[in-house]
């Protein structure tokens, strides 16, 4: 997986790499795997000289003005991401893809980027 991610970053040469920080998991092996994947993405970004940004889940949700905090269940947070993507981009897709889009959108919003570069 790490080699595939490196190849993907290298071949596509994105302007930025934006990812969600690893959160505590109930399964320690899941946490370890996610941390290793995150490390591989960071390493590939550094090798390819591509800036990267890591957001805590609460940070990207705050940037996009999601309702969160005590009393807001994980299921509700996922629904908010789906609604955000559907309302803003007219895309109806899986919750994980919606969250990935939201994380990228938080970066764009936080950095006042109004244009995404096309093919190089």
Protein backbone atom coordinates (compact mmCIF):
# COMPACT_ATOMS: atom_id res chain seq x y z
CA UNK A 1 0.00 0.00 0.00
CA UNK A 2 2.81 2.41 0.86
CA UNK A 3 4.46 1.84 -2.52
CA UNK A 4 1.13 2.39 -4.28
CA UNK A 5 0.56 5.63 -2.40
CA UNK A 6 4.06 6.85 -3.25
CA UNK A 7 3.55 6.02 -6.92
CA UNK A 8 0.18 7.81 -6.90
CA UNK A 9 1.69 10.96 -5.36
CA UNK A 10 4.72 10.84 -7.64
CA UNK A 11 2.75 10.31 -10.86
CA UNK A 12 0.04 12.89 -10.12
CA UNK A 13 2.31 15.49 -8.52
CA UNK A 14 -0.51 17.28 -6.67
CA UNK A 15 -0.08 20.87 -5.52
CA UNK A 16 -0.81 19.81 -1.93
CA UNK A 17 -1.35 16.65 0.04
CA UNK A 18 -3.99 17.00 2.73
CA UNK A 19 -4.86 14.24 5.16
CA UNK A 20 -6.68 13.57 8.38
CA UNK A 21 -4.65 12.93 11.50
CA UNK A 22 -4.71 9.49 13.04
CA UNK A 23 -7.29 9.29 15.81
CA UNK A 24 -7.31 6.89 18.72
CA UNK A 25 -8.90 3.61 17.67
CA UNK A 26 -10.42 0.88 19.80
CA UNK A 27 -8.19 -1.63 18.00
CA UNK A 28 -4.45 -0.98 18.55
CA UNK A 29 -3.47 -2.72 15.31
CA UNK A 30 -5.75 -0.36 13.33
CA UNK A 31 -4.09 2.63 14.97
CA UNK A 32 -0.65 1.25 14.10
CA UNK A 33 -1.62 0.59 10.49
CA UNK A 34 -3.13 4.06 10.05
CA UNK A 35 -0.06 5.70 11.60
CA UNK A 36 2.23 3.80 9.23
CA UNK A 37 0.16 4.80 6.22
CA UNK A 38 0.19 8.41 7.37
CA UNK A 39 3.98 8.22 7.73
CA UNK A 40 4.30 6.82 4.21
CA UNK A 41 2.19 9.66 2.81
CA UNK A 42 4.30 12.24 4.64
CA UNK A 43 7.52 10.63 3.42
CA UNK A 44 6.29 10.56 -0.18
CA UNK A 45 5.23 14.19 0.06
CA UNK A 46 8.66 15.15 1.36
CA UNK A 47 10.50 13.13 -1.29
CA UNK A 48 8.38 14.72 -4.04
CA UNK A 49 8.71 18.18 -2.45
CA UNK A 50 4.95 18.55 -2.16
CA UNK A 51 3.63 20.52 0.81
CA UNK A 52 1.32 18.57 3.09
CA UNK A 53 -1.12 19.44 5.84
CA UNK A 54 -2.57 17.18 8.51
CA UNK A 55 -5.92 18.07 10.10
CA UNK A 56 -7.37 16.72 13.30
CA UNK A 57 -10.99 15.68 12.63
CA UNK A 58 -12.30 18.45 14.90
CA UNK A 59 -10.15 21.04 13.07
CA UNK A 60 -11.40 20.44 9.55
CA UNK A 61 -14.97 20.19 10.82
CA UNK A 62 -14.59 23.53 12.62
CA UNK A 63 -13.29 25.21 9.43
CA UNK A 64 -16.38 23.96 7.58
CA UNK A 65 -18.67 25.03 10.45
CA UNK A 66 -19.92 21.54 11.27
CA UNK A 67 -21.91 21.06 14.43
CA UNK A 68 -19.68 19.01 16.74
CA UNK A 69 -18.67 18.50 20.32
CA UNK A 70 -20.27 16.86 23.29
CA UNK A 71 -23.51 15.18 22.36
CA UNK A 72 -22.85 15.03 18.61
CA UNK A 73 -22.41 11.37 17.69
CA UNK A 74 -19.95 10.06 15.10
CA UNK A 75 -22.88 8.99 12.93
CA UNK A 76 -24.16 12.59 12.88
CA UNK A 77 -20.71 13.91 11.93
CA UNK A 78 -20.64 11.50 8.99
CA UNK A 79 -24.12 12.69 7.92
CA UNK A 80 -22.92 16.30 8.01
CA UNK A 81 -20.03 15.45 5.65
CA UNK A 82 -22.37 13.68 3.24
CA UNK A 83 -24.78 16.64 3.28
CA UNK A 84 -21.96 19.15 2.80
CA UNK A 85 -20.64 17.34 -0.28
CA UNK A 86 -24.12 16.78 -1.70
CA UNK A 87 -25.15 20.42 -1.20
CA UNK A 88 -21.89 22.01 -2.37
CA UNK A 89 -20.73 19.69 -5.14
CA UNK A 90 -23.88 17.71 -6.02
CA UNK A 91 -21.99 14.48 -5.38
CA UNK A 92 -23.73 11.51 -3.79
CA UNK A 93 -21.07 9.10 -2.58
CA UNK A 94 -19.81 7.09 0.40
CA UNK A 95 -19.19 8.78 3.75
CA UNK A 96 -15.41 8.20 3.69
CA UNK A 97 -15.12 9.84 0.28
CA UNK A 98 -17.29 12.72 1.49
CA UNK A 99 -15.01 13.21 4.48
CA UNK A 100 -11.94 13.19 2.21
CA UNK A 101 -13.56 15.87 0.04
CA UNK A 102 -14.37 17.87 3.16
CA UNK A 103 -10.79 17.66 4.41
CA UNK A 104 -9.55 18.99 1.08
CA UNK A 105 -12.20 21.70 1.13
CA UNK A 106 -11.12 22.74 4.64
CA UNK A 107 -7.58 23.23 3.34
CA UNK A 108 -8.84 25.29 0.42
CA UNK A 109 -11.01 27.41 2.69
CA UNK A 110 -8.34 27.87 5.38
CA UNK A 111 -5.77 28.98 2.81
CA UNK A 112 -8.15 31.17 0.79
CA UNK A 113 -7.53 29.15 -2.34
CA UNK A 114 -10.17 29.80 -4.92
CA UNK A 115 -8.77 27.84 -7.79
CA UNK A 116 -7.51 24.31 -8.10
CA UNK A 117 -4.89 23.89 -10.81
CA UNK A 118 -5.75 21.47 -13.60
CA UNK A 119 -3.41 19.07 -15.38
CA UNK A 120 0.20 20.11 -15.46
